[in-house]
PDB file of N, CA and C in Angstrom:
ATOM      1  N   MET A   1       0.853  -1.174   0.000  1.00  0.00           N
ATOM      2  CA  MET A   1       0.000   0.000   0.000  1.00  0.00           C
ATOM      3  C   MET A   1       0.896   1.233   0.000  1.00  0.00           C
ATOM      4  N   TYR A   2       0.587   2.159  -0.844  1.00  0.00           N
ATOM      5  CA  TYR A   2       1.371   3.377  -0.950  1.00  0.00           C
ATOM      6  C   TYR A   2       0.621   4.532  -0.310  1.00  0.00           C
ATOM      7  N   GLY A   3       1.348   5.382   0.365  1.00  0.00           N
ATOM      8  CA  GLY A   3       0.759   6.600   0.895  1.00  0.00           C
ATOM      9  C   GLY A   3       0.988   7.730  -0.093  1.00  0.00           C
ATOM     10  N   CYS A   4       0.119   8.669  -0.109  1.00  0.00           N
ATOM     11  CA  CYS A   4       0.306   9.798  -1.004  1.00  0.00           C
ATOM     12  C   CYS A   4      -0.077  11.081  -0.282  1.00  0.00           C
ATOM     13  N   GLN A   5       0.481  12.137  -0.764  1.00  0.00           N
ATOM     14  CA  GLN A   5       0.225  13.446  -0.179  1.00  0.00           C
ATOM     15  C   GLN A   5      -0.379  14.330  -1.257  1.00  0.00           C
ATOM     16  N   GLN A   6      -1.446  14.993  -0.921  1.00  0.00           N
ATOM     17  CA  GLN A   6      -2.108  15.863  -1.875  1.00  0.00           C
ATOM     18  C   GLN A   6      -1.490  17.253  -1.780  1.00  0.00           C
ATOM     19  N   ASN A   7      -1.033  17.757  -2.910  1.00  0.00           N
ATOM     20  CA  ASN A   7      -0.488  19.104  -2.983  1.00  0.00           C
ATOM     21  C   ASN A   7      -1.370  19.926  -3.906  1.00  0.00           C
ATOM     22  N   LEU A   8      -2.020  20.915  -3.366  1.00  0.00           N
ATOM     23  CA  LEU A   8      -2.870  21.774  -4.179  1.00  0.00           C
ATOM     24  C   LEU A   8      -2.014  22.852  -4.822  1.00  0.00           C
ATOM     25  N   ILE A   9      -2.156  22.978  -6.129  1.00  0.00           N
ATOM     26  CA  ILE A   9      -1.400  23.993  -6.855  1.00  0.00           C
ATOM     27  C   ILE A   9      -2.377  24.860  -7.630  1.00  0.00           C
ATOM     28  N   LYS A  10      -1.921  26.029  -7.968  1.00  0.00           N
ATOM     29  CA  LYS A  10      -2.704  26.930  -8.811  1.00  0.00           C
ATOM     30  C   LYS A  10      -1.877  27.200 -10.066  1.00  0.00           C
ATOM     31  N   PRO A  11      -1.986  26.280 -11.053  1.00  0.00           N
ATOM     32  CA  PRO A  11      -1.137  26.414 -12.230  1.00  0.00           C
ATOM     33  C   PRO A  11      -1.629  27.509 -13.169  1.00  0.00           C
ATOM     34  N   ASN A  12      -0.683  28.032 -13.931  1.00  0.00           N
ATOM     35  CA  ASN A  12      -1.094  28.955 -14.986  1.00  0.00           C
ATOM     36  C   ASN A  12      -1.700  28.141 -16.130  1.00  0.00           C
ATOM     37  N   GLN A  13      -2.202  28.791 -17.129  1.00  0.00           N
ATOM     38  CA  GLN A  13      -2.940  28.112 -18.199  1.00  0.00           C
ATOM     39  C   GLN A  13      -2.061  27.121 -18.963  1.00  0.00           C
ATOM     40  N   ASP A  14      -0.796  27.470 -19.197  1.00  0.00           N
ATOM     41  CA  ASP A  14       0.094  26.566 -19.931  1.00  0.00           C
ATOM     42  C   ASP A  14       0.321  25.263 -19.165  1.00  0.00           C
ATOM     43  N   LEU A  15       0.658  25.385 -17.890  1.00  0.00           N
ATOM     44  CA  LEU A  15       0.902  24.200 -17.072  1.00  0.00           C
ATOM     45  C   LEU A  15      -0.367  23.369 -16.919  1.00  0.00           C
ATOM     46  N   LYS A  16      -1.490  24.036 -16.787  1.00  0.00           N
ATOM     47  CA  LYS A  16      -2.764  23.332 -16.645  1.00  0.00           C
ATOM     48  C   LYS A  16      -3.069  22.505 -17.889  1.00  0.00           C
ATOM     49  N   SER A  17      -2.834  23.065 -19.059  1.00  0.00           N
ATOM     50  CA  SER A  17      -3.106  22.325 -20.294  1.00  0.00           C
ATOM     51  C   SER A  17      -2.149  21.136 -20.446  1.00  0.00           C
ATOM     52  N   ILE A  18      -0.896  21.296 -20.028  1.00  0.00           N
ATOM     53  CA  ILE A  18       0.065  20.185 -20.087  1.00  0.00           C
ATOM     54  C   ILE A  18      -0.351  19.070 -19.137  1.00  0.00           C
ATOM     55  N   LEU A  19      -0.727  19.431 -17.921  1.00  0.00           N
ATOM     56  CA  LEU A  19      -1.152  18.426 -16.939  1.00  0.00           C
ATOM     57  C   LEU A  19      -2.404  17.689 -17.399  1.00  0.00           C
ATOM     58  N   GLU A  20      -3.349  18.415 -17.977  1.00  0.00           N
ATOM     59  CA  GLU A  20      -4.565  17.773 -18.487  1.00  0.00           C
ATOM     60  C   GLU A  20      -4.246  16.818 -19.632  1.00  0.00           C
ATOM     61  N   PHE A  21      -3.300  17.196 -20.490  1.00  0.00           N
ATOM     62  CA  PHE A  21      -2.900  16.335 -21.603  1.00  0.00           C
ATOM     63  C   PHE A  21      -2.268  15.041 -21.093  1.00  0.00           C
ATOM     64  N   ILE A  22      -1.372  15.161 -20.125  1.00  0.00           N
ATOM     65  CA  ILE A  22      -0.700  13.978 -19.571  1.00  0.00           C
ATOM     66  C   ILE A  22      -1.702  13.068 -18.864  1.00  0.00           C
ATOM     67  N   CYS A  23      -2.577  13.654 -18.070  1.00  0.00           N
ATOM     68  CA  CYS A  23      -3.568  12.850 -17.336  1.00  0.00           C
ATOM     69  C   CYS A  23      -4.552  12.168 -18.276  1.00  0.00           C
ATOM     70  N   SER A  24      -5.006  12.890 -19.284  1.00  0.00           N
ATOM     71  CA  SER A  24      -5.951  12.269 -20.225  1.00  0.00           C
ATOM     72  C   SER A  24      -5.255  11.185 -21.048  1.00  0.00           C
ATOM     73  N   GLY A  25      -3.988  11.402 -21.387  1.00  0.00           N
ATOM     74  CA  GLY A  25      -3.236  10.376 -22.120  1.00  0.00           C
ATOM     75  C   GLY A  25      -3.056   9.108 -21.309  1.00  0.00           C
ATOM     76  N   SER A  26      -2.762   9.255 -20.022  1.00  0.00           N
ATOM     77  CA  SER A  26      -2.602   8.066 -19.181  1.00  0.00           C
ATOM     78  C   SER A  26      -3.938   7.350 -18.993  1.00  0.00           C
ATOM     79  N   HIS A  27      -5.012   8.111 -18.895  1.00  0.00           N
ATOM     80  CA  HIS A  27      -6.340   7.502 -18.766  1.00  0.00           C
ATOM     81  C   HIS A  27      -6.712   6.741 -20.044  1.00  0.00           C
ATOM     82  N   LYS A  28      -6.417   7.332 -21.191  1.00  0.00           N
ATOM     83  CA  LYS A  28      -6.712   6.669 -22.463  1.00  0.00           C
ATOM     84  C   LYS A  28      -5.875   5.401 -22.634  1.00  0.00           C
ATOM     85  N   LEU A  29      -4.618   5.451 -22.193  1.00  0.00           N
ATOM     86  CA  LEU A  29      -3.758   4.274 -22.278  1.00  0.00           C
ATOM     87  C   LEU A  29      -4.272   3.158 -21.366  1.00  0.00           C
ATOM     88  N   THR A  30      -4.738   3.525 -20.187  1.00  0.00           N
ATOM     89  CA  THR A  30      -5.336   2.537 -19.282  1.00  0.00           C
ATOM     90  C   THR A  30      -6.550   1.895 -19.932  1.00  0.00           C
ATOM     91  N   ASN A  31      -7.405   2.696 -20.545  1.00  0.00           N
ATOM     92  CA  ASN A  31      -8.594   2.164 -21.218  1.00  0.00           C
ATOM     93  C   ASN A  31      -8.221   1.238 -22.379  1.00  0.00           C
ATOM     94  N   CYS A  32      -7.181   1.600 -23.139  1.00  0.00           N
ATOM     95  CA  CYS A  32      -6.730   0.739 -24.238  1.00  0.00           C
ATOM     96  C   CYS A  32      -6.261  -0.611 -23.702  1.00  0.00           C
ATOM     97  N   GLY A  33      -5.473  -0.576 -22.629  1.00  0.00           N
ATOM     98  CA  GLY A  33      -4.972  -1.816 -22.034  1.00  0.00           C
ATOM     99  C   GLY A  33      -6.086  -2.681 -21.495  1.00  0.00           C
ATOM    100  N   ILE A  34      -7.050  -2.076 -20.825  1.00  0.00           N
ATOM    101  CA  ILE A  34      -8.183  -2.830 -20.284  1.00  0.00           C
ATOM    102  C   ILE A  34      -8.999  -3.443 -21.423  1.00  0.00           C
ATOM    103  N   TYR A  35      -9.222  -2.680 -22.475  1.00  0.00           N
ATOM    104  CA  TYR A  35      -9.995  -3.191 -23.613  1.00  0.00           C
ATOM    105  C   TYR A  35      -9.319  -4.414 -24.224  1.00  0.00           C
ATOM    106  N   TYR A  36      -8.012  -4.306 -24.480  1.00  0.00           N
ATOM    107  CA  TYR A  36      -7.286  -5.422 -25.094  1.00  0.00           C
ATOM    108  C   TYR A  36      -7.278  -6.645 -24.178  1.00  0.00           C
ATOM    109  N   ALA A  37      -7.042  -6.430 -22.892  1.00  0.00           N
ATOM    110  CA  ALA A  37      -7.000  -7.543 -21.940  1.00  0.00           C
ATOM    111  C   ALA A  37      -8.364  -8.218 -21.825  1.00  0.00           C
ATOM    112  N   ARG A  38      -9.427  -7.436 -21.828  1.00  0.00           N
ATOM    113  CA  ARG A  38     -10.782  -8.015 -21.748  1.00  0.00           C
ATOM    114  C   ARG A  38     -11.107  -8.820 -22.999  1.00  0.00           C
ATOM    115  N   GLN A  39     -10.762  -8.276 -24.171  1.00  0.00           N
ATOM    116  CA  GLN A  39     -11.036  -8.991 -25.415  1.00  0.00           C
ATOM    117  C   GLN A  39     -10.285 -10.317 -25.454  1.00  0.00           C
ATOM    118  N   LEU A  40      -9.033 -10.293 -25.015  1.00  0.00           N
ATOM    119  CA  LEU A  40      -8.245 -11.521 -24.981  1.00  0.00           C
ATOM    120  C   LEU A  40      -8.866 -12.530 -24.020  1.00  0.00           C
ATOM    121  N   PHE A  41      -9.332 -12.056 -22.882  1.00  0.00           N
ATOM    122  CA  PHE A  41      -9.936 -12.959 -21.900  1.00  0.00           C
ATOM    123  C   PHE A  41     -11.248 -13.543 -22.414  1.00  0.00           C
ATOM    124  N   PHE A  42     -12.095 -12.717 -23.010  1.00  0.00           N
ATOM    125  CA  PHE A  42     -13.391 -13.207 -23.476  1.00  0.00           C
ATOM    126  C   PHE A  42     -13.267 -14.152 -24.670  1.00  0.00           C
ATOM    127  N   LYS A  43     -12.287 -13.917 -25.536  1.00  0.00           N
ATOM    128  CA  LYS A  43     -12.170 -14.743 -26.732  1.00  0.00           C
ATOM    129  C   LYS A  43     -11.390 -16.029 -26.498  1.00  0.00           C
ATOM    130  N   SER A  44     -10.367 -15.986 -25.634  1.00  0.00           N
ATOM    131  CA  SER A  44      -9.525 -17.177 -25.475  1.00  0.00           C
ATOM    132  C   SER A  44      -9.360 -17.628 -24.030  1.00  0.00           C
ATOM    133  N   GLN A  45     -10.009 -16.959 -23.091  1.00  0.00           N
ATOM    134  CA  GLN A  45      -9.910 -17.282 -21.662  1.00  0.00           C
ATOM    135  C   GLN A  45      -8.473 -17.200 -21.152  1.00  0.00           C
ATOM    136  N   LYS A  46      -7.644 -16.365 -21.784  1.00  0.00           N
ATOM    137  CA  LYS A  46      -6.270 -16.154 -21.342  1.00  0.00           C
ATOM    138  C   LYS A  46      -6.179 -14.832 -20.600  1.00  0.00           C
ATOM    139  N   ILE A  47      -5.320 -14.807 -19.604  1.00  0.00           N
ATOM    140  CA  ILE A  47      -5.036 -13.568 -18.887  1.00  0.00           C
ATOM    141  C   ILE A  47      -3.763 -12.978 -19.476  1.00  0.00           C
ATOM    142  N   ILE A  48      -3.780 -11.703 -19.714  1.00  0.00           N
ATOM    143  CA  ILE A  48      -2.657 -11.006 -20.337  1.00  0.00           C
ATOM    144  C   ILE A  48      -1.417 -11.094 -19.453  1.00  0.00           C
ATOM    145  N   GLY A  49      -0.257 -11.267 -20.059  1.00  0.00           N
ATOM    146  CA  GLY A  49       1.000 -11.337 -19.317  1.00  0.00           C
ATOM    147  C   GLY A  49       1.520  -9.954 -18.966  1.00  0.00           C
ATOM    148  N   LYS A  50       2.535  -9.937 -18.127  1.00  0.00           N
ATOM    149  CA  LYS A  50       3.077  -8.681 -17.607  1.00  0.00           C
ATOM    150  C   LYS A  50       3.636  -7.790 -18.720  1.00  0.00           C
ATOM    151  N   TYR A  51       4.309  -8.390 -19.696  1.00  0.00           N
ATOM    152  CA  TYR A  51       4.952  -7.598 -20.740  1.00  0.00           C
ATOM    153  C   TYR A  51       4.194  -7.625 -22.065  1.00  0.00           C
ATOM    154  N   ASP A  52       3.115  -8.376 -22.130  1.00  0.00           N
ATOM    155  CA  ASP A  52       2.370  -8.492 -23.389  1.00  0.00           C
ATOM    156  C   ASP A  52       1.738  -7.171 -23.815  1.00  0.00           C
ATOM    157  N   LEU A  53       1.216  -6.432 -22.857  1.00  0.00           N
ATOM    158  CA  LEU A  53       0.604  -5.139 -23.198  1.00  0.00           C
ATOM    159  C   LEU A  53       1.651  -4.154 -23.709  1.00  0.00           C
ATOM    160  N   GLU A  54       2.835  -4.171 -23.101  1.00  0.00           N
ATOM    161  CA  GLU A  54       3.896  -3.272 -23.567  1.00  0.00           C
ATOM    162  C   GLU A  54       4.286  -3.608 -24.998  1.00  0.00           C
ATOM    163  N   LYS A  55       4.382  -4.900 -25.294  1.00  0.00           N
ATOM    164  CA  LYS A  55       4.728  -5.335 -26.637  1.00  0.00           C
ATOM    165  C   LYS A  55       3.648  -4.927 -27.639  1.00  0.00           C
ATOM    166  N   GLU A  56       2.397  -5.063 -27.224  1.00  0.00           N
ATOM    167  CA  GLU A  56       1.264  -4.763 -28.103  1.00  0.00           C
ATOM    168  C   GLU A  56       1.144  -3.267 -28.397  1.00  0.00           C
ATOM    169  N   TYR A  57       1.417  -2.441 -27.402  1.00  0.00           N
ATOM    170  CA  TYR A  57       1.157  -1.006 -27.530  1.00  0.00           C
ATOM    171  C   TYR A  57       2.412  -0.149 -27.663  1.00  0.00           C
ATOM    172  N   LYS A  58       3.550  -0.741 -28.018  1.00  0.00           N
ATOM    173  CA  LYS A  58       4.765   0.067 -28.073  1.00  0.00           C
ATOM    174  C   LYS A  58       4.718   1.147 -29.156  1.00  0.00           C
ATOM    175  N   SER A  59       3.898   0.978 -30.173  1.00  0.00           N
ATOM    176  CA  SER A  59       3.788   2.009 -31.216  1.00  0.00           C
ATOM    177  C   SER A  59       2.517   2.843 -31.077  1.00  0.00           C
ATOM    178  N   ASN A  60       1.797   2.692 -29.970  1.00  0.00           N
ATOM    179  CA  ASN A  60       0.560   3.434 -29.738  1.00  0.00           C
ATOM    180  C   ASN A  60       0.877   4.904 -29.477  1.00  0.00           C
ATOM    181  N   LYS A  61       0.015   5.796 -29.947  1.00  0.00           N
ATOM    182  CA  LYS A  61       0.269   7.231 -29.783  1.00  0.00           C
ATOM    183  C   LYS A  61       0.181   7.669 -28.326  1.00  0.00           C
ATOM    184  N   HIS A  62      -0.618   6.972 -27.512  1.00  0.00           N
ATOM    185  CA  HIS A  62      -0.728   7.336 -26.103  1.00  0.00           C
ATOM    186  C   HIS A  62       0.542   6.957 -25.342  1.00  0.00           C
ATOM    187  N   VAL A  63       1.191   5.876 -25.768  1.00  0.00           N
ATOM    188  CA  VAL A  63       2.450   5.471 -25.135  1.00  0.00           C
ATOM    189  C   VAL A  63       3.546   6.462 -25.479  1.00  0.00           C
ATOM    190  N   SER A  64       3.605   6.879 -26.736  1.00  0.00           N
ATOM    191  CA  SER A  64       4.673   7.783 -27.155  1.00  0.00           C
ATOM    192  C   SER A  64       4.505   9.186 -26.580  1.00  0.00           C
ATOM    193  N   ALA A  65       3.299   9.538 -26.142  1.00  0.00           N
ATOM    194  CA  ALA A  65       3.074  10.866 -25.561  1.00  0.00           C
ATOM    195  C   ALA A  65       3.556  10.952 -24.119  1.00  0.00           C
ATOM    196  N   LEU A  66       3.722   9.796 -23.465  1.00  0.00           N
ATOM    197  CA  LEU A  66       4.138   9.774 -22.062  1.00  0.00           C
ATOM    198  C   LEU A  66       5.601   9.358 -21.955  1.00  0.00           C
ATOM    199  N   TYR A  67       6.185   9.580 -20.795  1.00  0.00           N
ATOM    200  CA  TYR A  67       7.497   9.011 -20.520  1.00  0.00           C
ATOM    201  C   TYR A  67       7.367   7.497 -20.560  1.00  0.00           C
ATOM    202  N   SER A  68       8.403   6.821 -21.050  1.00  0.00           N
ATOM    203  CA  SER A  68       8.301   5.373 -21.241  1.00  0.00           C
ATOM    204  C   SER A  68       8.070   4.631 -19.929  1.00  0.00           C
ATOM    205  N   GLN A  69       8.719   5.066 -18.848  1.00  0.00           N
ATOM    206  CA  GLN A  69       8.530   4.383 -17.561  1.00  0.00           C
ATOM    207  C   GLN A  69       7.105   4.546 -17.049  1.00  0.00           C
ATOM    208  N   ALA A  70       6.523   5.707 -17.255  1.00  0.00           N
ATOM    209  CA  ALA A  70       5.143   5.937 -16.820  1.00  0.00           C
ATOM    210  C   ALA A  70       4.181   5.065 -17.624  1.00  0.00           C
ATOM    211  N   ALA A  71       4.399   4.996 -18.934  1.00  0.00           N
ATOM    212  CA  ALA A  71       3.535   4.172 -19.781  1.00  0.00           C
ATOM    213  C   ALA A  71       3.669   2.695 -19.420  1.00  0.00           C
ATOM    214  N   GLN A  72       4.902   2.243 -19.163  1.00  0.00           N
ATOM    215  CA  GLN A  72       5.110   0.852 -18.769  1.00  0.00           C
ATOM    216  C   GLN A  72       4.403   0.543 -17.458  1.00  0.00           C
ATOM    217  N   GLN A  73       4.498   1.452 -16.509  1.00  0.00           N
ATOM    218  CA  GLN A  73       3.861   1.228 -15.211  1.00  0.00           C
ATOM    219  C   GLN A  73       2.341   1.168 -15.342  1.00  0.00           C
ATOM    220  N   ILE A  74       1.780   2.003 -16.194  1.00  0.00           N
ATOM    221  CA  ILE A  74       0.330   1.991 -16.414  1.00  0.00           C
ATOM    222  C   ILE A  74      -0.100   0.641 -16.983  1.00  0.00           C
ATOM    223  N   LEU A  75       0.610   0.168 -18.004  1.00  0.00           N
ATOM    224  CA  LEU A  75       0.241  -1.096 -18.640  1.00  0.00           C
ATOM    225  C   LEU A  75       0.486  -2.288 -17.716  1.00  0.00           C
ATOM    226  N   ARG A  76       1.536  -2.221 -16.911  1.00  0.00           N
ATOM    227  CA  ARG A  76       1.796  -3.312 -15.960  1.00  0.00           C
ATOM    228  C   ARG A  76       0.738  -3.353 -14.869  1.00  0.00           C
ATOM    229  N   SER A  77       0.234  -2.198 -14.467  1.00  0.00           N
ATOM    230  CA  SER A  77      -0.819  -2.199 -13.442  1.00  0.00           C
ATOM    231  C   SER A  77      -2.116  -2.795 -14.003  1.00  0.00           C
ATOM    232  N   VAL A  78      -2.377  -2.587 -15.290  1.00  0.00           N
ATOM    233  CA  VAL A  78      -3.545  -3.215 -15.920  1.00  0.00           C
ATOM    234  C   VAL A  78      -3.373  -4.734 -15.916  1.00  0.00           C
ATOM    235  N   ALA A  79      -2.186  -5.208 -16.296  1.00  0.00           N
ATOM    236  CA  ALA A  79      -1.932  -6.652 -16.311  1.00  0.00           C
ATOM    237  C   ALA A  79      -2.030  -7.234 -14.905  1.00  0.00           C
ATOM    238  N   GLU A  80      -1.528  -6.512 -13.924  1.00  0.00           N
ATOM    239  CA  GLU A  80      -1.601  -6.968 -12.533  1.00  0.00           C
ATOM    240  C   GLU A  80      -3.054  -7.048 -12.061  1.00  0.00           C
ATOM    241  N   SER A  81      -3.867  -6.106 -12.479  1.00  0.00           N
ATOM    242  CA  SER A  81      -5.286  -6.126 -12.111  1.00  0.00           C
ATOM    243  C   SER A  81      -5.986  -7.353 -12.682  1.00  0.00           C
ATOM    244  N   PHE A  82      -5.655  -7.711 -13.920  1.00  0.00           N
ATOM    245  CA  PHE A  82      -6.282  -8.886 -14.510  1.00  0.00           C
ATOM    246  C   PHE A  82      -5.776 -10.174 -13.878  1.00  0.00           C
ATOM    247  N   LYS A  83      -4.516 -10.191 -13.468  1.00  0.00           N
ATOM    248  CA  LYS A  83      -3.998 -11.360 -12.755  1.00  0.00           C
ATOM    249  C   LYS A  83      -4.726 -11.516 -11.422  1.00  0.00           C
ATOM    250  N   SER A  84      -4.958 -10.415 -10.744  1.00  0.00           N
ATOM    251  CA  SER A  84      -5.700 -10.431  -9.487  1.00  0.00           C
ATOM    252  C   SER A  84      -7.129 -10.910  -9.722  1.00  0.00           C
ATOM    253  N   PHE A  85      -7.731 -10.465 -10.815  1.00  0.00           N
ATOM    254  CA  PHE A  85      -9.083 -10.907 -11.174  1.00  0.00           C
ATOM    255  C   PHE A  85      -9.128 -12.415 -11.355  1.00  0.00           C
ATOM    256  N   LYS A  86      -8.104 -12.966 -12.009  1.00  0.00           N
ATOM    257  CA  LYS A  86      -8.056 -14.411 -12.242  1.00  0.00           C
ATOM    258  C   LYS A  86      -8.043 -15.169 -10.916  1.00  0.00           C
ATOM    259  N   GLU A  87      -7.211 -14.721  -9.975  1.00  0.00           N
ATOM    260  CA  GLU A  87      -7.133 -15.386  -8.670  1.00  0.00           C
ATOM    261  C   GLU A  87      -8.445 -15.254  -7.901  1.00  0.00           C
ATOM    262  N   LEU A  88      -9.026 -14.072  -7.913  1.00  0.00           N
ATOM    263  CA  LEU A  88     -10.298 -13.879  -7.218  1.00  0.00           C
ATOM    264  C   LEU A  88     -11.403 -14.725  -7.832  1.00  0.00           C
ATOM    265  N   ASN A  89     -11.414 -14.803  -9.134  1.00  0.00           N
ATOM    266  CA  ASN A  89     -12.421 -15.597  -9.831  1.00  0.00           C
ATOM    267  C   ASN A  89     -12.281 -17.075  -9.474  1.00  0.00           C
ATOM    268  N   LYS A  90     -11.036 -17.558  -9.431  1.00  0.00           N
ATOM    269  CA  LYS A  90     -10.790 -18.953  -9.082  1.00  0.00           C
ATOM    270  C   LYS A  90     -11.224 -19.228  -7.643  1.00  0.00           C
ATOM    271  N   ASN A  91     -10.877 -18.331  -6.723  1.00  0.00           N
ATOM    272  CA  ASN A  91     -11.246 -18.509  -5.321  1.00  0.00           C
ATOM    273  C   ASN A  91     -12.752 -18.415  -5.116  1.00  0.00           C
ATOM    274  N   THR A  92     -13.409 -17.551  -5.870  1.00  0.00           N
ATOM    275  CA  THR A  92     -14.859 -17.412  -5.757  1.00  0.00           C
ATOM    276  C   THR A  92     -15.556 -18.699  -6.176  1.00  0.00           C
ATOM    277  N   LYS A  93     -15.078 -19.314  -7.238  1.00  0.00           N
ATOM    278  CA  LYS A  93     -15.672 -20.575  -7.688  1.00  0.00           C
ATOM    279  C   LYS A  93     -15.511 -21.658  -6.625  1.00  0.00           C
ATOM    280  N   LYS A  94     -14.347 -21.690  -5.959  1.00  0.00           N
ATOM    281  CA  LYS A  94     -14.132 -22.669  -4.891  1.00  0.00           C
ATOM    282  C   LYS A  94     -15.103 -22.435  -3.744  1.00  0.00           C
ATOM    283  N   VAL A  95     -15.269 -21.179  -3.360  1.00  0.00           N
ATOM    284  CA  VAL A  95     -16.163 -20.848  -2.248  1.00  0.00           C
ATOM    285  C   VAL A  95     -17.599 -21.222  -2.588  1.00  0.00           C
ATOM    286  N   ILE A  96     -18.020 -20.951  -3.811  1.00  0.00           N
ATOM    287  CA  ILE A  96     -19.385 -21.290  -4.227  1.00  0.00           C
ATOM    288  C   ILE A  96     -19.587 -22.806  -4.196  1.00  0.00           C
ATOM    289  N   CYS A  97     -18.598 -23.571  -4.653  1.00  0.00           N
ATOM    290  CA  CYS A  97     -18.712 -25.036  -4.612  1.00  0.00           C
ATOM    291  C   CYS A  97     -18.809 -25.536  -3.178  1.00  0.00           C
ATOM    292  N   ILE A  98     -17.982 -24.985  -2.291  1.00  0.00           N
ATOM    293  CA  ILE A  98     -18.020 -25.387  -0.881  1.00  0.00           C
ATOM    294  C   ILE A  98     -19.367 -25.025  -0.276  1.00  0.00           C
ATOM    295  N   PHE A  99     -19.850 -23.830  -0.567  1.00  0.00           N
ATOM    296  CA  PHE A  99     -21.134 -23.382  -0.028  1.00  0.00           C
ATOM    297  C   PHE A  99     -22.265 -24.286  -0.511  1.00  0.00           C
ATOM    298  N   ASN A 100     -22.265 -24.605  -1.803  1.00  0.00           N
ATOM    299  CA  ASN A 100     -23.315 -25.475  -2.350  1.00  0.00           C
ATOM    300  C   ASN A 100     -23.267 -26.858  -1.711  1.00  0.00           C
ATOM    301  N   GLN A 101     -22.065 -27.392  -1.505  1.00  0.00           N
ATOM    302  CA  GLN A 101     -21.930 -28.708  -0.893  1.00  0.00           C
ATOM    303  C   GLN A 101     -22.454 -28.693   0.540  1.00  0.00           C
ATOM    304  N   GLU A 102     -22.095 -27.658   1.301  1.00  0.00           N
ATOM    305  CA  GLU A 102     -22.582 -27.550   2.677  1.00  0.00           C
ATOM    306  C   GLU A 102     -24.100 -27.373   2.707  1.00  0.00           C
ATOM    307  N   PHE A 103     -24.629 -26.617   1.776  1.00  0.00           N
ATOM    308  CA  PHE A 103     -26.073 -26.407   1.700  1.00  0.00           C
ATOM    309  C   PHE A 103     -26.793 -27.727   1.416  1.00  0.00           C
ATOM    310  N   LEU A 104     -26.232 -28.536   0.504  1.00  0.00           N
ATOM    311  CA  LEU A 104     -26.834 -29.835   0.202  1.00  0.00           C
ATOM    312  C   LEU A 104     -26.783 -30.760   1.416  1.00  0.00           C
ATOM    313  N   ASN A 105     -25.684 -30.720   2.164  1.00  0.00           N
ATOM    314  CA  ASN A 105     -25.573 -31.545   3.371  1.00  0.00           C
ATOM    315  C   ASN A 105     -26.613 -31.142   4.406  1.00  0.00           C
ATOM    316  N   ILE A 106     -26.847 -29.854   4.544  1.00  0.00           N
ATOM    317  CA  ILE A 106     -27.854 -29.368   5.498  1.00  0.00           C
ATOM    318  C   ILE A 106     -29.245 -29.812   5.059  1.00  0.00           C
ATOM    319  N   GLU A 107     -29.515 -29.733   3.744  1.00  0.00           N
ATOM    320  CA  GLU A 107     -30.819 -30.170   3.231  1.00  0.00           C
ATOM    321  C   GLU A 107     -31.046 -31.654   3.498  1.00  0.00           C
ATOM    322  N   LYS A 108     -30.007 -32.475   3.310  1.00  0.00           N
ATOM    323  CA  LYS A 108     -30.133 -33.913   3.538  1.00  0.00           C
ATOM    324  C   LYS A 108     -30.436 -34.209   5.005  1.00  0.00           C
ATOM    325  N   LYS A 109     -29.814 -33.447   5.903  1.00  0.00           N
ATOM    326  CA  LYS A 109     -30.042 -33.648   7.332  1.00  0.00           C
ATOM    327  C   LYS A 109     -31.467 -33.269   7.716  1.00  0.00           C
ATOM    328  N   MET A 110     -32.023 -32.277   7.049  1.00  0.00           N
ATOM    329  CA  MET A 110     -33.369 -31.810   7.379  1.00  0.00           C
ATOM    330  C   MET A 110     -34.437 -32.775   6.877  1.00  0.00           C
ATOM    331  N   VAL A 111     -34.143 -33.500   5.824  1.00  0.00           N
ATOM    332  CA  VAL A 111     -35.143 -34.404   5.235  1.00  0.00           C
ATOM    333  C   VAL A 111     -35.211 -35.692   5.962  1.00  0.00           C
TER     334      VAL A 111
END
């Protein structure tokens, strides 16, 4: 878990437009990564690898607009989120199976 500190600034118009461009570019890159990862998951049931998104989007205009380390970190966080989804999905299925089995055992005892 990372801590962060909020710093309020009052930028001039030039700095404000630059910050908005960078933030919107990172948001668009996140959306591109999520879209590609979801399509891959729905079509082939595969979870995207850590470096696959970087390989796929290295010529994307949103990647080239950002610093390379920032773009890599954005795409890696998308891949990490999908890996986490895979684990949660697997654990949820186990819990549902256990719950159903216990429910059936309770029903048998009641009958």
